[in-house]
Protein backbone atom coordinates (compact mmCIF):
# COMPACT_ATOMS: atom_id res chain seq x y z
CA UNK A 1 0.74 43.04 64.80
CA UNK A 2 0.40 39.31 64.63
CA UNK A 3 -2.50 37.60 66.38
CA UNK A 4 -1.33 35.23 69.15
CA UNK A 5 -3.60 32.47 67.79
CA UNK A 6 -2.17 32.61 64.25
CA UNK A 7 0.38 29.86 64.97
CA UNK A 8 -2.60 27.53 65.65
CA UNK A 9 -4.47 28.55 62.49
CA UNK A 10 -5.24 25.61 60.19
CA UNK A 11 -4.93 26.94 56.65
CA UNK A 12 -7.52 25.49 54.28
CA UNK A 13 -5.91 23.77 51.31
CA UNK A 14 -8.97 23.88 49.03
CA UNK A 15 -8.96 27.45 47.71
CA UNK A 16 -10.55 27.02 44.30
CA UNK A 17 -14.15 26.46 43.33
CA UNK A 18 -14.50 23.01 41.81
CA UNK A 19 -17.83 23.13 40.03
CA UNK A 20 -21.29 23.47 41.54
CA UNK A 21 -21.64 23.36 45.29
CA UNK A 22 -22.71 20.02 46.73
CA UNK A 23 -25.88 19.71 48.77
CA UNK A 24 -25.21 20.75 52.40
CA UNK A 25 -24.94 17.85 54.84
CA UNK A 26 -26.45 17.87 58.35
CA UNK A 27 -23.86 18.95 60.92
CA UNK A 28 -23.71 17.08 64.23
CA UNK A 29 -21.01 16.51 66.83
CA UNK A 30 -20.79 12.89 65.67
CA UNK A 31 -20.38 13.46 61.92
CA UNK A 32 -18.36 16.68 61.88
CA UNK A 33 -15.42 16.31 59.47
CA UNK A 34 -12.85 17.93 61.76
CA UNK A 35 -9.72 18.99 59.90
CA UNK A 36 -11.44 18.96 56.51
CA UNK A 37 -11.97 21.92 54.23
CA UNK A 38 -15.39 23.40 53.64
CA UNK A 39 -16.52 24.26 50.14
CA UNK A 40 -14.85 27.49 49.02
CA UNK A 41 -17.35 30.17 48.11
CA UNK A 42 -17.18 33.34 46.06
CA UNK A 43 -18.38 36.62 47.54
CA UNK A 44 -18.85 39.68 45.32
CA UNK A 45 -19.57 42.73 47.46
CA UNK A 46 -19.94 45.98 45.55
CA UNK A 47 -18.57 49.37 46.61
CA UNK A 48 -22.13 50.48 47.31
CA UNK A 49 -22.70 47.45 49.57
CA UNK A 50 -19.40 48.18 51.35
CA UNK A 51 -20.49 51.77 52.03
CA UNK A 52 -23.94 50.62 53.17
CA UNK A 53 -22.35 48.10 55.56
CA UNK A 54 -20.21 50.85 57.13
CA UNK A 55 -23.28 53.11 57.36
CA UNK A 56 -25.23 50.39 59.23
CA UNK A 57 -22.38 50.37 61.72
CA UNK A 58 -22.56 54.17 61.88
CA UNK A 59 -18.92 54.33 60.83
CA UNK A 60 -18.32 57.27 58.47
CA UNK A 61 -14.57 56.79 58.09
CA UNK A 62 -13.81 57.62 54.43
CA UNK A 63 -11.62 54.53 54.22
CA UNK A 64 -14.81 52.39 54.00
CA UNK A 65 -17.42 55.01 53.19
CA UNK A 66 -15.56 57.02 50.52
CA UNK A 67 -15.66 56.82 46.74
CA UNK A 68 -13.17 53.89 46.58
CA UNK A 69 -13.78 52.04 49.85
CA UNK A 70 -12.04 49.05 51.32
CA UNK A 71 -14.20 46.52 53.11
CA UNK A 72 -14.93 47.39 56.74
CA UNK A 73 -12.94 45.27 59.23
CA UNK A 74 -16.15 43.90 60.77
CA UNK A 75 -17.29 42.58 57.36
CA UNK A 76 -14.91 39.61 57.67
CA UNK A 77 -16.09 38.34 61.05
CA UNK A 78 -18.98 36.15 59.88
CA UNK A 79 -18.14 32.78 58.29
CA UNK A 80 -21.77 31.62 58.28
CA UNK A 81 -21.96 31.71 54.45
CA UNK A 82 -19.16 29.14 54.21
CA UNK A 83 -20.67 26.97 56.94
CA UNK A 84 -24.12 26.99 55.34
CA UNK A 85 -22.68 26.19 51.90
CA UNK A 86 -21.28 22.96 53.35
CA UNK A 87 -23.55 22.05 56.28
CA UNK A 88 -27.23 22.22 57.16
CA UNK A 89 -28.20 23.13 60.71
CA UNK A 90 -30.90 25.08 62.48
CA UNK A 91 -30.78 28.47 64.16
CA UNK A 92 -27.30 29.41 65.32
CA UNK A 93 -25.56 32.02 67.48
CA UNK A 94 -22.28 33.79 66.84
CA UNK A 95 -19.87 33.11 69.71
CA UNK A 96 -16.63 34.81 68.65
CA UNK A 97 -14.52 36.02 65.75
CA UNK A 98 -10.79 36.61 65.89
CA UNK A 99 -9.43 38.41 62.86
CA UNK A 100 -5.91 38.85 61.48
CA UNK A 101 -5.71 41.55 58.81
CA UNK A 102 -2.96 41.02 56.26
CA UNK A 103 -3.91 43.35 53.38
CA UNK A 104 -6.86 45.68 52.72
CA UNK A 105 -9.46 44.24 50.38
CA UNK A 106 -11.53 46.32 47.99
CA UNK A 107 -15.02 45.40 46.81
CA UNK A 108 -16.04 45.07 43.15
CA UNK A 109 -13.91 41.97 42.65
CA UNK A 110 -14.53 38.27 43.31
CA UNK A 111 -13.41 37.30 46.80
CA UNK A 112 -12.89 33.65 47.67
CA UNK A 113 -13.62 32.50 51.20
CA UNK A 114 -11.76 29.22 51.84
CA UNK A 115 -12.25 27.59 55.22
CA UNK A 116 -11.65 24.52 57.34
CA UNK A 117 -13.58 22.95 60.20
CA UNK A 118 -11.08 23.11 63.08
CA UNK A 119 -13.12 21.66 65.94
CA UNK A 120 -16.56 20.94 67.36
CA UNK A 121 -17.49 20.58 71.00
CA UNK A 122 -20.34 20.76 73.50
CA UNK A 123 -20.60 23.19 76.38
CA UNK A 124 -23.68 23.44 78.63
CA UNK A 125 -25.78 21.63 76.04
CA UNK A 126 -24.80 23.95 73.16
CA UNK A 127 -22.95 22.47 70.16
CA UNK A 128 -20.08 24.68 68.94
CA UNK A 129 -17.99 24.70 65.78
CA UNK A 130 -14.79 26.62 65.14
CA UNK A 131 -13.97 27.43 61.53
CA UNK A 132 -10.69 28.82 60.22
CA UNK A 133 -11.25 30.96 57.13
CA UNK A 134 -9.11 32.95 54.75
CA UNK A 135 -10.29 35.66 52.33
CA UNK A 136 -8.42 35.71 49.02
CA UNK A 137 -8.48 38.14 46.11
CA UNK A 138 -8.87 37.03 42.51
CA UNK A 139 -5.08 36.50 42.27
CA UNK A 140 -5.10 34.17 45.28
CA UNK A 141 -3.43 36.61 47.68
CA UNK A 142 -4.43 36.24 51.33
CA UNK A 143 -6.00 39.37 52.80
CA UNK A 144 -7.65 38.29 56.05
CA UNK A 145 -7.61 35.21 58.29
CA UNK A 146 -10.47 34.53 60.70
CA UNK A 147 -10.99 32.10 63.55
CA UNK A 148 -14.79 31.94 63.86
CA UNK A 149 -16.78 30.13 66.53
CA UNK A 150 -20.53 29.61 66.38
CA UNK A 151 -23.17 27.67 68.27
CA UNK A 152 -24.70 25.47 65.56
CA UNK A 153 -27.15 23.71 67.87
CA UNK A 154 -28.68 25.68 70.72
CA UNK A 155 -29.33 23.76 73.94
CA UNK A 156 -32.95 22.84 74.62
CA UNK A 157 -34.45 24.62 77.60
CA UNK A 158 -35.94 22.44 80.31
């Protein structure tokens, strides 16, 4: 099916690596470049890593633990690598991941993660960021879209 939030998804335009990654910039509520793309990154999971990931989840389905696995659905839920390639910030907490699967994706190929900073906000002293990310194969086909929310600054306890 189609995720109800997909109509609100902000597709990143920058989907190609353009040279070396720039130095991450500090992320704050005041300087967050809302609506701008993050630096695309390349991920290269191997079949062995895909099987090990499924094993850590205690999921023995042959689809992700067999001889020619696809990446486990939970593998896509963390956009921290893209955030940390673009921004610097301290300890963080995952808040939510919403995932729309379009096509299965196999390891042992370069996978591009392109993403965009959709919004930042504060709630109860925590600073949140929502990132929209898309996983692409080496031919540029979209496989998975993710709406990822994280706390990038944890509220100070009093």
